[in-house]
Protein backbone atom coordinates (compact mmCIF):
# COMPACT_ATOMS: atom_id res chain seq x y z
CA MET A 1 2.97 -17.71 5.67
CA MET A 2 -0.73 -16.94 5.31
CA ALA A 3 -2.83 -15.30 7.98
CA VAL A 4 -6.61 -15.58 8.04
CA ALA A 5 -8.97 -13.37 10.00
CA GLY A 6 -11.94 -15.53 10.81
CA ALA A 7 -12.84 -19.00 9.55
CA GLY A 8 -12.10 -20.20 6.04
CA LEU A 9 -14.50 -21.95 3.70
CA GLY A 10 -14.08 -25.56 2.62
CA GLY A 11 -15.82 -28.13 0.46
CA CYS A 12 -16.03 -25.82 -2.53
CA GLU A 13 -15.29 -26.50 -6.16
CA GLU A 14 -12.64 -24.16 -7.55
CA LYS A 15 -12.25 -22.49 -10.89
CA GLU A 16 -8.94 -23.10 -12.66
CA PRO A 17 -6.49 -20.25 -12.12
CA ALA A 18 -6.55 -17.46 -14.66
CA PRO A 19 -4.12 -18.04 -17.54
CA GLY A 20 -0.55 -17.25 -16.65
CA THR A 21 -1.14 -16.87 -12.91
CA GLY A 22 -0.25 -20.28 -11.54
CA GLY A 23 -2.01 -22.48 -9.04
CA ALA A 24 -2.98 -22.06 -5.41
CA ALA A 25 -0.62 -22.28 -2.48
CA GLY A 26 -1.65 -23.98 0.72
CA GLY A 27 -1.45 -23.58 4.46
CA GLY A 28 -2.87 -20.99 6.80
CA THR A 29 -3.30 -19.63 10.27
CA ASN A 30 -6.23 -17.91 11.91
CA THR A 31 -5.74 -14.38 13.24
CA GLY A 32 -7.56 -11.08 13.38
CA ALA A 33 -11.23 -10.37 13.89
CA PRO A 34 -13.40 -12.33 14.32
CA THR A 35 -10.81 -14.67 15.87
CA GLU A 36 -11.16 -18.42 15.73
CA GLY A 37 -7.78 -19.65 16.99
CA GLY A 38 -5.87 -22.65 15.74
CA ALA A 39 -3.62 -23.35 12.81
CA ASN A 40 -6.17 -24.96 10.49
CA ARG A 41 -9.00 -23.50 8.47
CA ALA A 42 -12.51 -24.06 9.71
CA VAL A 43 -14.65 -25.89 7.14
CA ALA A 44 -18.14 -24.71 6.26
CA PRO A 45 -20.83 -27.27 7.17
CA ALA A 46 -22.12 -29.52 4.42
CA GLY A 47 -24.57 -27.80 2.14
CA GLU A 48 -23.00 -24.36 2.61
CA GLY A 49 -20.60 -24.53 -0.31
CA VAL A 50 -19.93 -21.53 -2.51
CA ALA A 51 -20.56 -21.37 -6.24
CA THR A 52 -17.53 -21.47 -8.52
CA PRO A 53 -16.49 -17.93 -9.52
CA THR A 54 -16.57 -16.96 -13.14
CA PRO A 55 -14.99 -13.90 -14.74
CA GLY A 56 -17.18 -10.87 -14.13
CA ALA A 57 -19.26 -12.50 -11.41
CA GLY A 58 -17.32 -13.79 -8.41
CA ALA A 59 -18.78 -16.06 -5.75
CA PRO A 60 -21.91 -15.03 -3.87
CA PRO A 61 -21.54 -14.40 -0.13
CA SER A 62 -21.62 -17.57 2.00
CA GLY A 63 -24.40 -17.39 4.58
CA ASP A 64 -23.97 -14.14 6.47
CA THR A 65 -20.26 -13.67 5.72
CA ILE A 66 -18.39 -11.84 2.97
CA VAL A 67 -14.73 -12.74 2.44
CA ILE A 68 -12.21 -10.08 1.47
CA GLY A 69 -8.61 -10.87 0.58
CA HIS A 70 -5.35 -9.08 1.26
CA TYR A 71 -2.12 -9.89 -0.57
CA GLY A 72 1.07 -8.35 0.76
CA SER A 73 4.70 -8.77 1.77
CA LEU A 74 4.19 -10.41 5.15
CA THR A 75 7.75 -11.76 4.95
CA GLY A 76 10.82 -10.74 2.96
CA SER A 77 12.85 -7.56 2.70
CA GLU A 78 9.77 -5.28 2.80
CA ALA A 79 7.91 -7.26 5.46
CA THR A 80 7.14 -4.20 7.57
CA PHE A 81 5.12 -2.84 4.63
CA GLY A 82 2.89 -5.89 4.42
CA LYS A 83 2.54 -6.35 8.17
CA SER A 84 1.63 -2.72 8.78
CA THR A 85 -0.93 -2.77 5.98
CA ASP A 86 -2.38 -6.02 7.29
CA ASN A 87 -2.69 -4.58 10.79
CA GLY A 88 -4.54 -1.55 9.47
CA ILE A 89 -6.95 -3.77 7.54
CA LYS A 90 -7.47 -6.03 10.57
CA LEU A 91 -8.36 -3.04 12.72
CA ALA A 92 -10.95 -1.89 10.17
CA VAL A 93 -12.41 -5.41 9.95
CA LYS A 94 -12.63 -5.66 13.73
CA GLU A 95 -14.41 -2.32 13.97
CA VAL A 96 -16.94 -2.98 11.22
CA ASN A 97 -17.80 -6.39 12.65
CA GLU A 98 -18.22 -4.90 16.13
CA ARG A 99 -20.69 -2.44 14.59
CA GLY A 100 -22.70 -5.37 13.26
CA GLY A 101 -20.98 -5.81 9.90
CA VAL A 102 -21.89 -4.32 6.54
CA THR A 103 -25.35 -4.05 5.05
CA VAL A 104 -25.45 -4.97 1.36
CA ALA A 105 -28.78 -4.59 -0.42
CA GLY A 106 -30.63 -4.73 2.88
CA LYS A 107 -28.83 -7.76 4.33
CA LYS A 108 -26.23 -7.76 7.11
CA TYR A 109 -22.91 -9.54 6.63
CA GLN A 110 -19.87 -10.06 8.83
CA ILE A 111 -16.51 -9.56 7.14
CA ARG A 112 -13.92 -12.34 7.04
CA LEU A 113 -10.38 -11.30 6.11
CA VAL A 114 -7.96 -13.70 4.41
CA SER A 115 -4.38 -12.39 4.14
CA ASP A 116 -1.71 -14.11 2.07
CA ASP A 117 2.00 -13.53 1.63
CA THR A 118 3.69 -12.43 -1.60
CA GLU A 119 7.11 -12.12 0.09
CA GLY A 120 7.29 -8.85 -1.86
CA LYS A 121 7.97 -10.82 -5.06
CA PRO A 122 6.08 -9.84 -8.23
CA GLU A 123 6.26 -13.39 -9.58
CA LYS A 124 4.22 -14.66 -6.61
CA ALA A 125 1.37 -12.17 -6.96
CA GLY A 126 -0.60 -14.02 -9.62
CA THR A 127 -0.64 -17.27 -7.66
CA VAL A 128 -1.60 -15.58 -4.40
CA VAL A 129 -4.41 -13.49 -5.87
CA THR A 130 -5.78 -16.44 -7.86
CA LYS A 131 -5.96 -18.47 -4.66
CA LEU A 132 -7.72 -15.69 -2.75
CA ILE A 133 -10.36 -15.49 -5.47
CA THR A 134 -10.82 -19.14 -6.40
CA ARG A 135 -10.16 -21.01 -3.17
CA ASP A 136 -11.04 -18.43 -0.52
CA LYS A 137 -13.89 -16.90 -2.56
CA ALA A 138 -12.89 -13.30 -1.85
CA LYS A 139 -15.42 -10.74 -3.06
CA ALA A 140 -12.82 -7.96 -3.11
CA ILE A 141 -9.03 -7.78 -2.89
CA LEU A 142 -6.88 -5.30 -0.96
CA GLY A 143 -3.20 -4.96 -1.91
CA GLU A 144 -0.42 -4.83 -2.77
CA VAL A 145 1.95 -2.22 -1.37
CA ALA A 146 4.64 -2.36 -4.08
CA SER A 147 3.61 -1.21 -7.55
CA SER A 148 5.67 -3.93 -9.23
CA VAL A 149 3.72 -6.57 -7.29
CA SER A 150 0.33 -4.93 -7.83
CA LEU A 151 1.02 -4.82 -11.56
CA GLN A 152 1.08 -8.64 -11.50
CA GLY A 153 -1.90 -9.11 -9.18
CA ALA A 154 -4.23 -6.55 -10.76
CA PRO A 155 -4.70 -8.38 -14.09
CA VAL A 156 -5.96 -11.44 -12.20
CA CYS A 157 -8.58 -9.36 -10.38
CA GLN A 158 -9.56 -7.72 -13.65
CA GLU A 159 -9.99 -11.07 -15.39
CA TYR A 160 -12.12 -12.53 -12.59
CA GLY A 161 -14.19 -9.38 -12.24
CA VAL A 162 -13.23 -8.91 -8.59
CA PRO A 163 -12.57 -5.33 -7.43
CA MET A 164 -9.10 -4.58 -6.11
CA ILE A 165 -8.09 -1.59 -4.02
CA THR A 166 -4.39 -1.05 -3.55
CA PRO A 167 -3.65 0.88 -0.39
CA SER A 168 -0.31 2.24 -1.53
CA SER A 169 0.85 1.37 -5.07
CA THR A 170 1.57 4.80 -6.52
CA ASN A 171 2.62 3.91 -10.08
CA PRO A 172 -0.07 5.22 -12.50
CA ASP A 173 0.01 2.00 -14.52
CA VAL A 174 -1.61 0.01 -11.71
CA THR A 175 -5.14 1.37 -12.07
CA ALA A 176 -4.71 1.54 -15.85
CA VAL A 177 -4.95 -2.27 -15.83
CA GLY A 178 -8.74 -2.02 -15.92
CA ASP A 179 -12.00 -0.81 -14.45
CA MET A 180 -11.85 -3.18 -11.46
CA ILE A 181 -8.64 -1.65 -10.08
CA PHE A 182 -8.62 1.26 -7.59
CA ARG A 183 -6.25 2.92 -5.15
CA VAL A 184 -6.58 5.07 -2.01
CA CYS A 185 -3.08 6.58 -2.22
CA PHE A 186 -1.91 9.46 -4.37
CA ILE A 187 0.03 8.62 -7.54
CA ASP A 188 3.65 9.22 -8.49
CA PRO A 189 3.02 12.28 -10.68
CA PHE A 190 1.61 14.07 -7.63
CA GLN A 191 4.16 12.62 -5.22
CA GLY A 192 6.96 13.69 -7.56
CA TYR A 193 5.42 17.15 -7.72
CA ALA A 194 5.10 17.34 -3.93
CA GLY A 195 8.73 16.36 -3.40
CA ALA A 196 10.01 18.76 -6.04
CA LYS A 197 7.89 21.62 -4.70
CA PHE A 198 9.20 21.04 -1.19
CA ALA A 199 12.81 20.93 -2.39
CA ARG A 200 12.52 24.14 -4.41
CA GLU A 201 10.20 26.25 -2.25
CA ASP A 202 10.88 25.05 1.29
CA LEU A 203 14.49 23.88 1.21
CA LYS A 204 15.24 26.36 -1.59
CA VAL A 205 17.73 24.07 -3.32
CA SER A 206 18.48 24.37 -7.03
CA LYS A 207 20.85 21.42 -7.62
CA VAL A 208 19.70 17.88 -6.81
CA ALA A 209 21.13 14.45 -7.60
CA ILE A 210 18.96 11.33 -7.95
CA LEU A 211 19.85 7.79 -6.85
CA PHE A 212 17.14 5.31 -7.85
CA ASP A 213 16.38 1.58 -7.97
CA GLN A 214 16.35 0.62 -11.66
CA SER A 215 14.63 -2.71 -10.85
CA SER A 216 11.56 -1.05 -9.28
CA ALA A 217 8.60 0.36 -11.24
CA TYR A 218 7.86 2.54 -8.23
CA SER A 219 11.37 3.97 -8.04
CA VAL A 220 11.73 4.59 -11.77
CA GLY A 221 8.32 6.24 -12.00
CA LEU A 222 8.87 8.50 -9.01
CA LYS A 223 12.35 9.41 -10.23
CA ASP A 224 10.94 10.52 -13.58
CA GLU A 225 8.19 12.60 -11.98
CA PHE A 226 10.52 14.34 -9.54
CA ASN A 227 13.00 15.06 -12.35
CA SER A 228 10.32 16.54 -14.60
CA ASN A 229 8.70 18.68 -11.90
CA PHE A 230 11.95 19.90 -10.36
CA SER A 231 13.23 20.95 -13.78
CA LYS A 232 9.99 22.80 -14.57
CA MET A 233 10.38 24.69 -11.28
CA GLY A 234 13.79 25.97 -12.33
CA GLY A 235 15.91 23.37 -10.58
CA ARG A 236 18.64 21.24 -12.14
CA ILE A 237 19.32 17.52 -11.81
CA VAL A 238 23.12 17.36 -11.71
CA SER A 239 23.51 13.57 -11.56
CA GLU A 240 21.27 10.54 -11.99
CA GLN A 241 22.64 7.22 -10.73
CA ALA A 242 21.04 3.77 -10.63
CA TYR A 243 21.28 0.72 -8.39
CA THR A 244 19.45 -2.60 -8.11
CA LYS A 245 17.31 -3.57 -5.13
CA GLY A 246 19.26 -5.40 -2.47
CA ALA A 247 22.64 -3.91 -3.38
CA SER A 248 24.98 -3.40 -0.43
CA ASP A 249 27.69 -1.13 -1.84
CA PHE A 250 26.67 2.32 -3.09
CA ASN A 251 30.08 3.97 -2.92
CA ALA A 252 30.61 4.16 -6.69
CA GLN A 253 27.29 5.92 -7.30
CA LEU A 254 27.71 8.21 -4.29
CA THR A 255 31.23 9.18 -5.32
CA ARG A 256 29.99 10.20 -8.77
CA ILE A 257 27.20 12.19 -7.15
CA ARG A 258 29.62 13.91 -4.76
CA GLU A 259 31.67 15.17 -7.70
CA GLU A 260 28.65 17.20 -8.87
CA ALA A 261 28.18 18.92 -5.48
CA PRO A 262 24.38 18.65 -5.21
CA GLU A 263 22.52 20.48 -2.45
CA ALA A 264 20.29 17.45 -1.84
CA ILE A 265 19.92 13.85 -3.03
CA PHE A 266 16.53 12.42 -4.01
CA ILE A 267 16.32 8.66 -3.33
CA PRO A 268 12.97 7.19 -4.45
CA GLY A 269 13.69 3.74 -3.04
CA TYR A 270 12.53 1.47 -0.24
CA TYR A 271 13.66 1.83 3.36
CA SER A 272 15.88 -1.28 3.35
CA ASP A 273 18.19 0.21 0.70
CA VAL A 274 17.86 3.82 1.84
CA ALA A 275 19.34 3.02 5.26
CA ASN A 276 22.54 1.72 3.66
CA ILE A 277 22.69 4.68 1.28
CA ALA A 278 22.33 7.14 4.15
CA LEU A 279 25.08 5.50 6.20
CA GLN A 280 27.50 5.27 3.27
CA SER A 281 26.86 8.84 2.10
CA ARG A 282 27.72 10.22 5.55
CA LYS A 283 30.93 8.17 5.64
CA LEU A 284 31.88 9.90 2.37
CA GLY A 285 31.36 13.28 4.00
CA MET A 286 28.12 13.98 2.13
CA MET A 287 26.04 15.83 4.73
CA MET A 288 23.36 17.31 2.45
CA PRO A 289 19.70 16.41 3.15
CA LEU A 290 18.37 13.21 1.63
CA LEU A 291 14.86 13.28 0.19
CA GLY A 292 12.53 10.42 -0.65
CA GLY A 293 9.04 9.12 -1.17
CA ASP A 294 6.61 6.96 0.76
CA GLY A 295 8.83 3.91 0.25
CA TRP A 296 10.85 5.25 3.18
CA ASP A 297 7.93 4.80 5.57
CA SER A 298 9.15 2.16 8.01
CA GLU A 299 10.45 2.35 11.56
CA GLU A 300 13.30 0.15 10.30
CA LEU A 301 14.80 3.09 8.37
CA ALA A 302 15.57 5.22 11.42
CA LYS A 303 16.45 2.11 13.43
CA ASN A 304 19.07 1.01 10.89
CA ALA A 305 20.32 4.41 9.70
CA GLY A 306 20.37 6.16 13.08
CA ALA A 307 21.81 9.68 13.04
CA ALA A 308 22.57 9.39 9.31
CA ILE A 309 18.90 10.06 8.54
CA GLU A 310 18.58 13.11 10.82
CA GLY A 311 17.49 16.21 8.91
CA CYS A 312 16.12 14.18 6.00
CA PHE A 313 12.65 14.33 4.48
CA TYR A 314 10.15 12.22 2.57
CA SER A 315 6.67 12.58 1.15
CA ASN A 316 4.01 10.44 2.77
CA HIS A 317 0.28 9.87 3.06
CA TYR A 318 -0.08 11.01 6.65
CA ALA A 319 1.89 11.88 9.76
CA PRO A 320 0.76 10.39 13.08
CA ASP A 321 1.40 13.65 14.92
CA GLN A 322 -1.02 15.66 12.76
CA PRO A 323 -3.71 17.01 15.11
CA THR A 324 -6.81 15.83 13.22
CA GLU A 325 -9.57 13.88 14.95
CA GLU A 326 -9.42 11.07 12.38
CA ILE A 327 -5.67 10.60 12.82
CA GLN A 328 -5.56 10.79 16.60
CA THR A 329 -8.51 8.40 16.99
CA PHE A 330 -6.87 5.93 14.61
CA VAL A 331 -3.49 6.17 16.33
CA ALA A 332 -5.03 5.50 19.74
CA LYS A 333 -6.99 2.46 18.50
CA TYR A 334 -3.99 1.06 16.65
CA LYS A 335 -1.73 1.42 19.69
CA ALA A 336 -4.31 -0.38 21.83
CA ASP A 337 -4.47 -3.35 19.44
CA PHE A 338 -0.93 -3.64 18.10
CA GLY A 339 1.32 -1.39 20.17
CA GLY A 340 3.57 1.23 18.64
CA VAL A 341 2.73 4.17 16.40
CA PRO A 342 1.06 3.22 13.08
CA ASP A 343 2.98 4.14 9.96
CA GLY A 344 1.47 5.35 6.69
CA LEU A 345 1.03 1.81 5.39
CA ALA A 346 -1.14 0.91 8.39
CA ALA A 347 -3.21 4.05 7.85
CA LEU A 348 -3.64 3.29 4.14
CA GLY A 349 -4.64 -0.32 4.84
CA TYR A 350 -7.23 0.97 7.29
CA ASP A 351 -8.52 3.52 4.77
CA ALA A 352 -8.66 1.01 1.90
CA ALA A 353 -10.75 -1.39 3.97
CA ASN A 354 -13.10 1.32 5.19
CA ILE A 355 -13.64 2.70 1.69
CA LEU A 356 -14.51 -0.84 0.61
CA PHE A 357 -16.98 -1.24 3.49
CA ASP A 358 -18.54 2.13 2.72
CA ALA A 359 -18.95 1.09 -0.91
CA MET A 360 -20.52 -2.22 0.13
CA GLY A 361 -23.15 -0.28 2.02
CA ARG A 362 -24.01 1.68 -1.12
CA ALA A 363 -23.79 -1.21 -3.59
CA LYS A 364 -26.88 -2.68 -5.25
CA SER A 365 -25.51 -6.17 -4.55
CA ALA A 366 -22.29 -7.95 -3.63
CA SER A 367 -21.47 -8.71 -7.26
CA GLY A 368 -18.12 -7.57 -8.59
CA ALA A 369 -19.74 -5.12 -11.00
CA ASP A 370 -21.93 -3.51 -8.34
CA LEU A 371 -19.07 -3.26 -5.86
CA ARG A 372 -16.92 -1.70 -8.58
CA ASP A 373 -19.59 0.91 -9.34
CA ALA A 374 -19.97 1.78 -5.66
CA ILE A 375 -16.22 2.15 -5.11
CA ALA A 376 -15.98 4.34 -8.21
CA ALA A 377 -18.68 6.63 -6.78
CA THR A 378 -16.69 7.36 -3.60
CA LYS A 379 -16.63 11.10 -2.95
CA ASP A 380 -15.36 13.18 -0.02
CA PHE A 381 -14.76 10.14 2.18
CA LYS A 382 -13.29 11.26 5.52
CA ALA A 383 -10.29 8.96 5.88
CA VAL A 384 -7.26 8.91 8.15
CA THR A 385 -4.95 9.91 5.29
CA GLY A 386 -7.20 12.75 4.14
CA THR A 387 -10.52 13.36 2.46
CA ILE A 388 -10.64 10.98 -0.51
CA THR A 389 -12.51 11.21 -3.80
CA ILE A 390 -12.04 8.54 -6.46
CA ASN A 391 -11.59 10.12 -9.89
CA GLU A 392 -12.33 8.78 -13.38
CA GLN A 393 -8.97 7.02 -13.50
CA ARG A 394 -9.91 5.22 -10.24
CA ASP A 395 -7.17 7.10 -8.39
CA ALA A 396 -7.56 8.93 -5.08
CA VAL A 397 -7.48 12.72 -5.16
CA LYS A 398 -5.95 13.74 -1.82
CA PRO A 399 -3.10 15.73 -0.24
CA ALA A 400 0.43 14.59 0.58
CA VAL A 401 2.48 15.42 3.65
CA ILE A 402 6.20 15.98 4.09
CA VAL A 403 7.75 14.45 7.19
CA GLU A 404 11.15 15.26 8.68
CA HIS A 405 13.45 13.21 10.88
CA LYS A 406 14.04 15.61 13.75
CA GLY A 407 15.24 14.92 17.27
CA GLY A 408 15.37 11.20 16.60
CA LYS A 409 11.82 10.81 15.28
CA TRP A 410 9.72 11.50 12.21
CA VAL A 411 7.52 14.59 12.55
CA PHE A 412 5.04 16.43 10.34
CA ARG A 413 6.70 19.27 8.38
CA SER A 414 4.15 20.47 5.81
CA ALA A 415 1.26 19.48 3.55
CA VAL A 416 0.96 19.70 -0.24
CA THR A 417 -2.48 19.72 -1.85
CA PRO A 418 -3.33 18.89 -5.49
CA GLU A 419 -3.64 21.95 -7.72
């Protein structure tokens, strides 16, 4: 499924997809802001076509509209990630358009959002991103959530010279793809440090086991960083067990872990697997706290794991109960538009879009190179997930928070700032 905020553009010649990325997929629906209901794309009037993008240039804005693209897991096993991110982006698009749009080099533009579905599958990312750039003429790309998917989409953006901002891919290799690739989340080295610091200094545990997804770049990277930092802090990893995404039986790994009597288990996986792990560990009598990373951030985890996740912790980008003006304003607006409390993915989608809009306002033009330079110059941006500065590696320098499942809900526990 593909969702489109605003009208699409038609009647345009398209550049062939970048080598190795595949062709364009079809179909779409109209949602978001501005809203132009119906299941089909609106076609630009004759004479308003858009020039074919070339690497390093991208298409010029069409009339008074700039298209931005979002690729994410709108369906599949991590669908809540993509949907939450998309909602956050939609809210930012709605707000900027209600303010009159963005001003680029003295000219006002409305923003049109085109969102497309990767199903959370890395092999689909190249096709989806190519389509957003060549068919939909996106001037910038937001996405993906999963590092393994972003690692396939980012090279396409780099080749076409279109800036990409991932809201939440924490693997360091993502922005290393090239100078067009940015992120607004912290990276795994810091997240691993934050989790290890919390385990050692707050929980005061010295023996931890790790259960990780060997098929996930995110999980492997975060596992390595937690292991390294926890060991440097005087802790000991007593067991390290692997599984593959989508597994249903974790009893063998958990039994081996139980034999080593850890005081906590670090599980750097995604919520869909973590729920099963939590339930099965409790059935085996393993009542120690479970720790994780931002891949846990979905209401589905507590819904599926229930009491098994009580007293557990994970590192995240924000907590909706933090009493900052930025967070409480965002939470209220999100509830009004979508219902429910926004998770960290929604907040990061919102922040990624707003950092892009801020950069557009500072850019010399809407070219890929000028947008890239403006994004790279972002400093002390007051975002929902913290004050963000983009460093030389195009990563966000920002704090992390630790949240705890307490009394049947996730609550803010503490914050960890970069040293």
